[in-house]
Amino acid sequence: MFDINKVDRKIELFIFDIYIAILKINKVASKFENVQDLLYSFTDWDSVIRDFESNIIKLINEIEADLKEELIESFIEDNKYLDFVVEKLKEINNVPFYK
């Protein structure tokens, strides 16, 4: 398995870090029933205005397939306690055998 702690940080790793941050932002935003409530919470608002998920996923999809799969497997392991992150990582790779 890919060990994130034993390599220099490459651009691909930062791309996945950004994607996971976006998933966390989406989770924060989902607790609000309407936009007005979100606007009154400046810390939450600052988190969710960074809407650039479609660009990050595009960059992830441009990573060489074997490396992408290895990275996804590693990030799933590192984030296994965050079901919503694991689910989205599986979706971007469309790999049904991850559990």
PDB file of N, CA and C in Angstrom:
ATOM      1  N   MET A   1       0.837  -1.182   0.000  1.00  0.00           N
ATOM      2  CA  MET A   1       0.000   0.000   0.000  1.00  0.00           C
ATOM      3  C   MET A   1       0.880   1.243   0.000  1.00  0.00           C
ATOM      4  N   PHE A   2       0.388   2.280  -0.582  1.00  0.00           N
ATOM      5  CA  PHE A   2       1.085   3.550  -0.663  1.00  0.00           C
ATOM      6  C   PHE A   2       1.210   4.162   0.728  1.00  0.00           C
ATOM      7  N   ASP A   3       2.419   4.499   1.123  1.00  0.00           N
ATOM      8  CA  ASP A   3       2.634   5.106   2.439  1.00  0.00           C
ATOM      9  C   ASP A   3       2.917   6.595   2.266  1.00  0.00           C
ATOM     10  N   ILE A   4       1.947   7.383   2.589  1.00  0.00           N
ATOM     11  CA  ILE A   4       2.019   8.835   2.401  1.00  0.00           C
ATOM     12  C   ILE A   4       3.137   9.467   3.221  1.00  0.00           C
ATOM     13  N   ASN A   5       3.506   8.859   4.333  1.00  0.00           N
ATOM     14  CA  ASN A   5       4.515   9.448   5.214  1.00  0.00           C
ATOM     15  C   ASN A   5       5.950   9.172   4.770  1.00  0.00           C
ATOM     16  N   LYS A   6       6.142   8.330   3.775  1.00  0.00           N
ATOM     17  CA  LYS A   6       7.493   7.948   3.356  1.00  0.00           C
ATOM     18  C   LYS A   6       7.926   8.575   2.038  1.00  0.00           C
ATOM     19  N   VAL A   7       7.169   9.501   1.524  1.00  0.00           N
ATOM     20  CA  VAL A   7       7.534  10.152   0.267  1.00  0.00           C
ATOM     21  C   VAL A   7       7.416  11.657   0.398  1.00  0.00           C
ATOM     22  N   ASP A   8       8.169  12.322  -0.450  1.00  0.00           N
ATOM     23  CA  ASP A   8       7.997  13.769  -0.532  1.00  0.00           C
ATOM     24  C   ASP A   8       6.590  14.042  -1.050  1.00  0.00           C
ATOM     25  N   ARG A   9       6.030  15.140  -0.605  1.00  0.00           N
ATOM     26  CA  ARG A   9       4.683  15.485  -1.047  1.00  0.00           C
ATOM     27  C   ARG A   9       4.709  15.844  -2.524  1.00  0.00           C
ATOM     28  N   LYS A  10       3.935  15.140  -3.302  1.00  0.00           N
ATOM     29  CA  LYS A  10       3.813  15.415  -4.726  1.00  0.00           C
ATOM     30  C   LYS A  10       2.504  16.143  -4.962  1.00  0.00           C
ATOM     31  N   ILE A  11       2.395  16.713  -6.132  1.00  0.00           N
ATOM     32  CA  ILE A  11       1.189  17.476  -6.475  1.00  0.00           C
ATOM     33  C   ILE A  11      -0.057  16.615  -6.353  1.00  0.00           C
ATOM     34  N   GLU A  12       0.056  15.338  -6.710  1.00  0.00           N
ATOM     35  CA  GLU A  12      -1.108  14.449  -6.621  1.00  0.00           C
ATOM     36  C   GLU A  12      -1.615  14.336  -5.190  1.00  0.00           C
ATOM     37  N   LEU A  13      -0.711  14.337  -4.233  1.00  0.00           N
ATOM     38  CA  LEU A  13      -1.124  14.245  -2.833  1.00  0.00           C
ATOM     39  C   LEU A  13      -1.856  15.512  -2.399  1.00  0.00           C
ATOM     40  N   PHE A  14      -1.364  16.648  -2.836  1.00  0.00           N
ATOM     41  CA  PHE A  14      -2.033  17.896  -2.499  1.00  0.00           C
ATOM     42  C   PHE A  14      -3.420  17.973  -3.125  1.00  0.00           C
ATOM     43  N   ILE A  15      -3.558  17.446  -4.321  1.00  0.00           N
ATOM     44  CA  ILE A  15      -4.868  17.441  -4.976  1.00  0.00           C
ATOM     45  C   ILE A  15      -5.861  16.650  -4.141  1.00  0.00           C
ATOM     46  N   PHE A  16      -5.447  15.491  -3.633  1.00  0.00           N
ATOM     47  CA  PHE A  16      -6.344  14.707  -2.790  1.00  0.00           C
ATOM     48  C   PHE A  16      -6.617  15.417  -1.462  1.00  0.00           C
ATOM     49  N   ASP A  17      -5.622  16.061  -0.897  1.00  0.00           N
ATOM     50  CA  ASP A  17      -5.850  16.833   0.324  1.00  0.00           C
ATOM     51  C   ASP A  17      -6.923  17.893   0.100  1.00  0.00           C
ATOM     52  N   ILE A  18      -6.838  18.570  -1.023  1.00  0.00           N
ATOM     53  CA  ILE A  18      -7.819  19.613  -1.346  1.00  0.00           C
ATOM     54  C   ILE A  18      -9.202  18.996  -1.514  1.00  0.00           C
ATOM     55  N   TYR A  19      -9.269  17.860  -2.203  1.00  0.00           N
ATOM     56  CA  TYR A  19     -10.565  17.209  -2.408  1.00  0.00           C
ATOM     57  C   TYR A  19     -11.205  16.816  -1.075  1.00  0.00           C
ATOM     58  N   ILE A  20     -10.418  16.272  -0.167  1.00  0.00           N
ATOM     59  CA  ILE A  20     -10.944  15.887   1.142  1.00  0.00           C
ATOM     60  C   ILE A  20     -11.401  17.122   1.912  1.00  0.00           C
ATOM     61  N   ALA A  21     -10.671  18.225   1.787  1.00  0.00           N
ATOM     62  CA  ALA A  21     -11.110  19.472   2.422  1.00  0.00           C
ATOM     63  C   ALA A  21     -12.459  19.914   1.872  1.00  0.00           C
ATOM     64  N   ILE A  22     -12.644  19.779   0.586  1.00  0.00           N
ATOM     65  CA  ILE A  22     -13.923  20.147  -0.030  1.00  0.00           C
ATOM     66  C   ILE A  22     -15.051  19.274   0.509  1.00  0.00           C
ATOM     67  N   LEU A  23     -14.794  17.989   0.668  1.00  0.00           N
ATOM     68  CA  LEU A  23     -15.819  17.100   1.214  1.00  0.00           C
ATOM     69  C   LEU A  23     -16.205  17.537   2.627  1.00  0.00           C
ATOM     70  N   LYS A  24     -15.227  17.945   3.408  1.00  0.00           N
ATOM     71  CA  LYS A  24     -15.507  18.421   4.761  1.00  0.00           C
ATOM     72  C   LYS A  24     -16.323  19.712   4.723  1.00  0.00           C
ATOM     73  N   ILE A  25     -16.001  20.600   3.798  1.00  0.00           N
ATOM     74  CA  ILE A  25     -16.756  21.843   3.638  1.00  0.00           C
ATOM     75  C   ILE A  25     -18.209  21.541   3.284  1.00  0.00           C
ATOM     76  N   ASN A  26     -18.410  20.610   2.359  1.00  0.00           N
ATOM     77  CA  ASN A  26     -19.777  20.223   1.993  1.00  0.00           C
ATOM     78  C   ASN A  26     -20.540  19.686   3.191  1.00  0.00           C
ATOM     79  N   LYS A  27     -19.846  18.952   4.037  1.00  0.00           N
ATOM     80  CA  LYS A  27     -20.480  18.414   5.245  1.00  0.00           C
ATOM     81  C   LYS A  27     -20.913  19.556   6.168  1.00  0.00           C
ATOM     82  N   VAL A  28     -20.066  20.552   6.342  1.00  0.00           N
ATOM     83  CA  VAL A  28     -20.406  21.707   7.182  1.00  0.00           C
ATOM     84  C   VAL A  28     -21.611  22.445   6.604  1.00  0.00           C
ATOM     85  N   ALA A  29     -21.596  22.677   5.308  1.00  0.00           N
ATOM     86  CA  ALA A  29     -22.678  23.429   4.668  1.00  0.00           C
ATOM     87  C   ALA A  29     -24.003  22.696   4.749  1.00  0.00           C
ATOM     88  N   SER A  30     -23.969  21.384   4.779  1.00  0.00           N
ATOM     89  CA  SER A  30     -25.214  20.611   4.778  1.00  0.00           C
ATOM     90  C   SER A  30     -26.009  20.741   6.081  1.00  0.00           C
ATOM     91  N   LYS A  31     -25.408  21.282   7.132  1.00  0.00           N
ATOM     92  CA  LYS A  31     -26.132  21.412   8.405  1.00  0.00           C
ATOM     93  C   LYS A  31     -27.102  22.592   8.422  1.00  0.00           C
ATOM     94  N   PHE A  32     -27.021  23.434   7.408  1.00  0.00           N
ATOM     95  CA  PHE A  32     -27.893  24.601   7.336  1.00  0.00           C
ATOM     96  C   PHE A  32     -29.126  24.298   6.497  1.00  0.00           C
ATOM     97  N   GLU A  33     -30.270  24.763   6.982  1.00  0.00           N
ATOM     98  CA  GLU A  33     -31.512  24.525   6.259  1.00  0.00           C
ATOM     99  C   GLU A  33     -31.704  25.497   5.100  1.00  0.00           C
ATOM    100  N   ASN A  34     -31.109  26.679   5.202  1.00  0.00           N
ATOM    101  CA  ASN A  34     -31.242  27.655   4.121  1.00  0.00           C
ATOM    102  C   ASN A  34     -29.996  28.531   4.047  1.00  0.00           C
ATOM    103  N   VAL A  35     -29.882  29.224   2.949  1.00  0.00           N
ATOM    104  CA  VAL A  35     -28.708  30.051   2.702  1.00  0.00           C
ATOM    105  C   VAL A  35     -28.578  31.169   3.726  1.00  0.00           C
ATOM    106  N   GLN A  36     -29.691  31.730   4.134  1.00  0.00           N
ATOM    107  CA  GLN A  36     -29.658  32.837   5.089  1.00  0.00           C
ATOM    108  C   GLN A  36     -28.965  32.419   6.389  1.00  0.00           C
ATOM    109  N   ASP A  37     -29.263  31.229   6.886  1.00  0.00           N
ATOM    110  CA  ASP A  37     -28.608  30.744   8.102  1.00  0.00           C
ATOM    111  C   ASP A  37     -27.102  30.611   7.896  1.00  0.00           C
ATOM    112  N   LEU A  38     -26.722  30.139   6.737  1.00  0.00           N
ATOM    113  CA  LEU A  38     -25.302  30.009   6.425  1.00  0.00           C
ATOM    114  C   LEU A  38     -24.618  31.379   6.392  1.00  0.00           C
ATOM    115  N   LEU A  39     -25.291  32.377   5.843  1.00  0.00           N
ATOM    116  CA  LEU A  39     -24.720  33.725   5.762  1.00  0.00           C
ATOM    117  C   LEU A  39     -24.434  34.325   7.142  1.00  0.00           C
ATOM    118  N   TYR A  40     -25.237  33.950   8.136  1.00  0.00           N
ATOM    119  CA  TYR A  40     -25.052  34.484   9.483  1.00  0.00           C
ATOM    120  C   TYR A  40     -23.909  33.810  10.238  1.00  0.00           C
ATOM    121  N   SER A  41     -23.415  32.728   9.701  1.00  0.00           N
ATOM    122  CA  SER A  41     -22.290  32.025  10.331  1.00  0.00           C
ATOM    123  C   SER A  41     -21.040  32.275   9.492  1.00  0.00           C
ATOM    124  N   PHE A  42     -20.290  33.324   9.833  1.00  0.00           N
ATOM    125  CA  PHE A  42     -19.189  33.741   8.968  1.00  0.00           C
ATOM    126  C   PHE A  42     -18.097  32.681   8.839  1.00  0.00           C
ATOM    127  N   THR A  43     -17.851  31.903   9.872  1.00  0.00           N
ATOM    128  CA  THR A  43     -16.817  30.874   9.743  1.00  0.00           C
ATOM    129  C   THR A  43     -17.254  29.768   8.786  1.00  0.00           C
ATOM    130  N   ASP A  44     -18.506  29.378   8.871  1.00  0.00           N
ATOM    131  CA  ASP A  44     -19.014  28.373   7.942  1.00  0.00           C
ATOM    132  C   ASP A  44     -19.099  28.942   6.529  1.00  0.00           C
ATOM    133  N   TRP A  45     -19.530  30.197   6.423  1.00  0.00           N
ATOM    134  CA  TRP A  45     -19.633  30.833   5.111  1.00  0.00           C
ATOM    135  C   TRP A  45     -18.267  30.870   4.431  1.00  0.00           C
ATOM    136  N   ASP A  46     -17.236  31.264   5.156  1.00  0.00           N
ATOM    137  CA  ASP A  46     -15.891  31.324   4.586  1.00  0.00           C
ATOM    138  C   ASP A  46     -15.433  29.954   4.080  1.00  0.00           C
ATOM    139  N   SER A  47     -15.860  28.911   4.753  1.00  0.00           N
ATOM    140  CA  SER A  47     -15.478  27.558   4.320  1.00  0.00           C
ATOM    141  C   SER A  47     -16.148  27.157   3.006  1.00  0.00           C
ATOM    142  N   VAL A  48     -17.415  27.468   2.888  1.00  0.00           N
ATOM    143  CA  VAL A  48     -18.165  26.972   1.730  1.00  0.00           C
ATOM    144  C   VAL A  48     -18.050  27.826   0.480  1.00  0.00           C
ATOM    145  N   ILE A  49     -17.546  29.044   0.587  1.00  0.00           N
ATOM    146  CA  ILE A  49     -17.423  29.857  -0.615  1.00  0.00           C
ATOM    147  C   ILE A  49     -16.299  29.383  -1.528  1.00  0.00           C
ATOM    148  N   ARG A  50     -15.514  28.475  -1.069  1.00  0.00           N
ATOM    149  CA  ARG A  50     -14.415  27.933  -1.872  1.00  0.00           C
ATOM    150  C   ARG A  50     -14.925  26.818  -2.780  1.00  0.00           C
ATOM    151  N   ASP A  51     -15.755  27.183  -3.710  1.00  0.00           N
ATOM    152  CA  ASP A  51     -16.420  26.192  -4.563  1.00  0.00           C
ATOM    153  C   ASP A  51     -15.587  25.905  -5.814  1.00  0.00           C
ATOM    154  N   PHE A  52     -14.727  24.929  -5.708  1.00  0.00           N
ATOM    155  CA  PHE A  52     -13.908  24.562  -6.858  1.00  0.00           C
ATOM    156  C   PHE A  52     -13.734  23.054  -6.967  1.00  0.00           C
ATOM    157  N   GLU A  53     -14.779  22.296  -6.510  1.00  0.00           N
ATOM    158  CA  GLU A  53     -14.705  20.843  -6.509  1.00  0.00           C
ATOM    159  C   GLU A  53     -14.511  20.256  -7.886  1.00  0.00           C
ATOM    160  N   SER A  54     -15.475  20.810  -8.923  1.00  0.00           N
ATOM    161  CA  SER A  54     -15.391  20.215 -10.268  1.00  0.00           C
ATOM    162  C   SER A  54     -14.000  20.257 -10.847  1.00  0.00           C
ATOM    163  N   ASN A  55     -13.141  21.436 -10.510  1.00  0.00           N
ATOM    164  CA  ASN A  55     -11.776  21.562 -11.024  1.00  0.00           C
ATOM    165  C   ASN A  55     -10.847  20.532 -10.385  1.00  0.00           C
ATOM    166  N   ILE A  56     -11.035  20.288  -9.072  1.00  0.00           N
ATOM    167  CA  ILE A  56     -10.176  19.330  -8.369  1.00  0.00           C
ATOM    168  C   ILE A  56     -10.415  17.921  -8.889  1.00  0.00           C
ATOM    169  N   ILE A  57     -11.675  17.566  -9.087  1.00  0.00           N
ATOM    170  CA  ILE A  57     -11.972  16.223  -9.594  1.00  0.00           C
ATOM    171  C   ILE A  57     -11.388  16.055 -10.993  1.00  0.00           C
ATOM    172  N   LYS A  58     -11.440  17.093 -11.797  1.00  0.00           N
ATOM    173  CA  LYS A  58     -10.844  17.031 -13.127  1.00  0.00           C
ATOM    174  C   LYS A  58      -9.346  16.753 -13.026  1.00  0.00           C
ATOM    175  N   LEU A  59      -8.672  17.444 -12.118  1.00  0.00           N
ATOM    176  CA  LEU A  59      -7.236  17.212 -11.925  1.00  0.00           C
ATOM    177  C   LEU A  59      -6.956  15.800 -11.421  1.00  0.00           C
ATOM    178  N   ILE A  60      -7.778  15.326 -10.511  1.00  0.00           N
ATOM    179  CA  ILE A  60      -7.607  13.957 -10.009  1.00  0.00           C
ATOM    180  C   ILE A  60      -7.762  12.963 -11.147  1.00  0.00           C
ATOM    181  N   ASN A  61      -8.755  13.192 -11.994  1.00  0.00           N
ATOM    182  CA  ASN A  61      -8.983  12.262 -13.103  1.00  0.00           C
ATOM    183  C   ASN A  61      -7.877  12.281 -14.148  1.00  0.00           C
ATOM    184  N   GLU A  62      -7.044  13.305 -14.129  1.00  0.00           N
ATOM    185  CA  GLU A  62      -5.919  13.371 -15.048  1.00  0.00           C
ATOM    186  C   GLU A  62      -4.665  12.666 -14.520  1.00  0.00           C
ATOM    187  N   ILE A  63      -4.703  12.236 -13.259  1.00  0.00           N
ATOM    188  CA  ILE A  63      -3.582  11.493 -12.689  1.00  0.00           C
ATOM    189  C   ILE A  63      -3.531  10.118 -13.340  1.00  0.00           C
ATOM    190  N   GLU A  64      -2.341   9.643 -13.598  1.00  0.00           N
ATOM    191  CA  GLU A  64      -2.138   8.320 -14.210  1.00  0.00           C
ATOM    192  C   GLU A  64      -2.932   7.281 -13.405  1.00  0.00           C
ATOM    193  N   ALA A  65      -3.608   6.389 -14.107  1.00  0.00           N
ATOM    194  CA  ALA A  65      -4.599   5.481 -13.508  1.00  0.00           C
ATOM    195  C   ALA A  65      -4.063   4.656 -12.341  1.00  0.00           C
ATOM    196  N   ASP A  66      -2.891   4.035 -12.506  1.00  0.00           N
ATOM    197  CA  ASP A  66      -2.354   3.201 -11.431  1.00  0.00           C
ATOM    198  C   ASP A  66      -2.019   4.019 -10.187  1.00  0.00           C
ATOM    199  N   LEU A  67      -1.416   5.182 -10.402  1.00  0.00           N
ATOM    200  CA  LEU A  67      -1.086   6.063  -9.281  1.00  0.00           C
ATOM    201  C   LEU A  67      -2.360   6.553  -8.610  1.00  0.00           C
ATOM    202  N   LYS A  68      -3.351   6.929  -9.405  1.00  0.00           N
ATOM    203  CA  LYS A  68      -4.618   7.407  -8.850  1.00  0.00           C
ATOM    204  C   LYS A  68      -5.264   6.334  -7.981  1.00  0.00           C
ATOM    205  N   GLU A  69      -5.282   5.117  -8.470  1.00  0.00           N
ATOM    206  CA  GLU A  69      -5.887   4.032  -7.697  1.00  0.00           C
ATOM    207  C   GLU A  69      -5.129   3.794  -6.394  1.00  0.00           C
ATOM    208  N   GLU A  70      -3.808   3.842  -6.452  1.00  0.00           N
ATOM    209  CA  GLU A  70      -2.988   3.652  -5.259  1.00  0.00           C
ATOM    210  C   GLU A  70      -3.219   4.779  -4.253  1.00  0.00           C
ATOM    211  N   LEU A  71      -3.301   5.998  -4.742  1.00  0.00           N
ATOM    212  CA  LEU A  71      -3.562   7.141  -3.873  1.00  0.00           C
ATOM    213  C   LEU A  71      -4.938   7.049  -3.234  1.00  0.00           C
ATOM    214  N   ILE A  72      -5.925   6.695  -4.026  1.00  0.00           N
ATOM    215  CA  ILE A  72      -7.282   6.574  -3.490  1.00  0.00           C
ATOM    216  C   ILE A  72      -7.332   5.515  -2.398  1.00  0.00           C
ATOM    217  N   GLU A  73      -6.706   4.392  -2.639  1.00  0.00           N
ATOM    218  CA  GLU A  73      -6.670   3.330  -1.634  1.00  0.00           C
ATOM    219  C   GLU A  73      -6.042   3.842  -0.340  1.00  0.00           C
ATOM    220  N   SER A  74      -4.948   4.570  -0.460  1.00  0.00           N
ATOM    221  CA  SER A  74      -4.264   5.106   0.710  1.00  0.00           C
ATOM    222  C   SER A  74      -5.120   6.140   1.442  1.00  0.00           C
ATOM    223  N   PHE A  75      -5.746   7.041   0.689  1.00  0.00           N
ATOM    224  CA  PHE A  75      -6.579   8.064   1.318  1.00  0.00           C
ATOM    225  C   PHE A  75      -7.844   7.467   1.934  1.00  0.00           C
ATOM    226  N   ILE A  76      -8.349   6.412   1.354  1.00  0.00           N
ATOM    227  CA  ILE A  76      -9.490   5.720   1.974  1.00  0.00           C
ATOM    228  C   ILE A  76      -9.069   5.150   3.315  1.00  0.00           C
ATOM    229  N   GLU A  77      -7.908   4.537   3.359  1.00  0.00           N
ATOM    230  CA  GLU A  77      -7.407   3.977   4.614  1.00  0.00           C
ATOM    231  C   GLU A  77      -7.198   5.080   5.658  1.00  0.00           C
ATOM    232  N   ASP A  78      -6.602   6.195   5.240  1.00  0.00           N
ATOM    233  CA  ASP A  78      -6.326   7.297   6.162  1.00  0.00           C
ATOM    234  C   ASP A  78      -7.597   7.983   6.666  1.00  0.00           C
ATOM    235  N   ASN A  79      -8.678   7.895   5.909  1.00  0.00           N
ATOM    236  CA  ASN A  79      -9.920   8.588   6.250  1.00  0.00           C
ATOM    237  C   ASN A  79     -11.079   7.626   6.491  1.00  0.00           C
ATOM    238  N   LYS A  80     -10.777   6.383   6.836  1.00  0.00           N
ATOM    239  CA  LYS A  80     -11.823   5.359   6.969  1.00  0.00           C
ATOM    240  C   LYS A  80     -12.872   5.692   8.032  1.00  0.00           C
ATOM    241  N   TYR A  81     -12.554   6.565   8.954  1.00  0.00           N
ATOM    242  CA  TYR A  81     -13.506   6.965   9.982  1.00  0.00           C
ATOM    243  C   TYR A  81     -14.498   8.023   9.482  1.00  0.00           C
ATOM    244  N   LEU A  82     -14.258   8.556   8.281  1.00  0.00           N
ATOM    245  CA  LEU A  82     -15.147   9.558   7.686  1.00  0.00           C
ATOM    246  C   LEU A  82     -15.890   8.928   6.513  1.00  0.00           C
ATOM    247  N   ASP A  83     -17.027   8.340   6.795  1.00  0.00           N
ATOM    248  CA  ASP A  83     -17.780   7.615   5.770  1.00  0.00           C
ATOM    249  C   ASP A  83     -18.042   8.447   4.524  1.00  0.00           C
ATOM    250  N   PHE A  84     -18.374   9.722   4.702  1.00  0.00           N
ATOM    251  CA  PHE A  84     -18.700  10.555   3.546  1.00  0.00           C
ATOM    252  C   PHE A  84     -17.477  10.791   2.659  1.00  0.00           C
ATOM    253  N   VAL A  85     -16.277  10.823   3.238  1.00  0.00           N
ATOM    254  CA  VAL A  85     -15.048  10.969   2.451  1.00  0.00           C
ATOM    255  C   VAL A  85     -14.773   9.683   1.687  1.00  0.00           C
ATOM    256  N   VAL A  86     -14.866   8.550   2.368  1.00  0.00           N
ATOM    257  CA  VAL A  86     -14.618   7.249   1.730  1.00  0.00           C
ATOM    258  C   VAL A  86     -15.572   7.044   0.561  1.00  0.00           C
ATOM    259  N   GLU A  87     -16.841   7.363   0.760  1.00  0.00           N
ATOM    260  CA  GLU A  87     -17.841   7.200  -0.296  1.00  0.00           C
ATOM    261  C   GLU A  87     -17.481   8.019  -1.534  1.00  0.00           C
ATOM    262  N   LYS A  88     -17.092   9.269  -1.330  1.00  0.00           N
ATOM    263  CA  LYS A  88     -16.747  10.134  -2.467  1.00  0.00           C
ATOM    264  C   LYS A  88     -15.451   9.693  -3.145  1.00  0.00           C
ATOM    265  N   LEU A  89     -14.482   9.232  -2.376  1.00  0.00           N
ATOM    266  CA  LEU A  89     -13.247   8.722  -2.979  1.00  0.00           C
ATOM    267  C   LEU A  89     -13.536   7.511  -3.851  1.00  0.00           C
ATOM    268  N   LYS A  90     -14.420   6.648  -3.396  1.00  0.00           N
ATOM    269  CA  LYS A  90     -14.815   5.492  -4.205  1.00  0.00           C
ATOM    270  C   LYS A  90     -15.503   5.940  -5.494  1.00  0.00           C
ATOM    271  N   GLU A  91     -16.361   6.941  -5.377  1.00  0.00           N
ATOM    272  CA  GLU A  91     -17.090   7.443  -6.548  1.00  0.00           C
ATOM    273  C   GLU A  91     -16.160   7.986  -7.625  1.00  0.00           C
ATOM    274  N   ILE A  92     -15.146   8.733  -7.224  1.00  0.00           N
ATOM    275  CA  ILE A  92     -14.284   9.346  -8.236  1.00  0.00           C
ATOM    276  C   ILE A  92     -13.425   8.320  -8.961  1.00  0.00           C
ATOM    277  N   ASN A  93     -13.251   7.175  -8.361  1.00  0.00           N
ATOM    278  CA  ASN A  93     -12.451   6.148  -9.028  1.00  0.00           C
ATOM    279  C   ASN A  93     -13.319   5.046  -9.618  1.00  0.00           C
ATOM    280  N   ASN A  94     -14.589   4.982  -9.232  1.00  0.00           N
ATOM    281  CA  ASN A  94     -15.511   3.943  -9.706  1.00  0.00           C
ATOM    282  C   ASN A  94     -14.920   2.551  -9.560  1.00  0.00           C
ATOM    283  N   VAL A  95     -14.347   2.318  -8.379  1.00  0.00           N
ATOM    284  CA  VAL A  95     -13.748   1.021  -8.099  1.00  0.00           C
ATOM    285  C   VAL A  95     -14.648   0.315  -7.089  1.00  0.00           C
ATOM    286  N   PRO A  96     -15.402  -0.698  -7.540  1.00  0.00           N
ATOM    287  CA  PRO A  96     -16.404  -1.338  -6.675  1.00  0.00           C
ATOM    288  C   PRO A  96     -15.816  -2.233  -5.582  1.00  0.00           C
ATOM    289  N   PHE A  97     -14.537  -2.621  -5.677  1.00  0.00           N
ATOM    290  CA  PHE A  97     -14.028  -3.582  -4.705  1.00  0.00           C
ATOM    291  C   PHE A  97     -13.551  -2.958  -3.399  1.00  0.00           C
ATOM    292  N   TYR A  98     -13.532  -1.629  -3.261  1.00  0.00           N
ATOM    293  CA  TYR A  98     -13.170  -1.024  -1.989  1.00  0.00           C
ATOM    294  C   TYR A  98     -14.287  -1.246  -0.986  1.00  0.00           C
ATOM    295  N   LYS A  99     -13.906  -1.573   0.236  1.00  0.00           N
ATOM    296  CA  LYS A  99     -14.917  -1.829   1.274  1.00  0.00           C
ATOM    297  C   LYS A  99     -14.787  -0.855   2.404  1.00  0.00           C
TER     298      LYS A  99
END
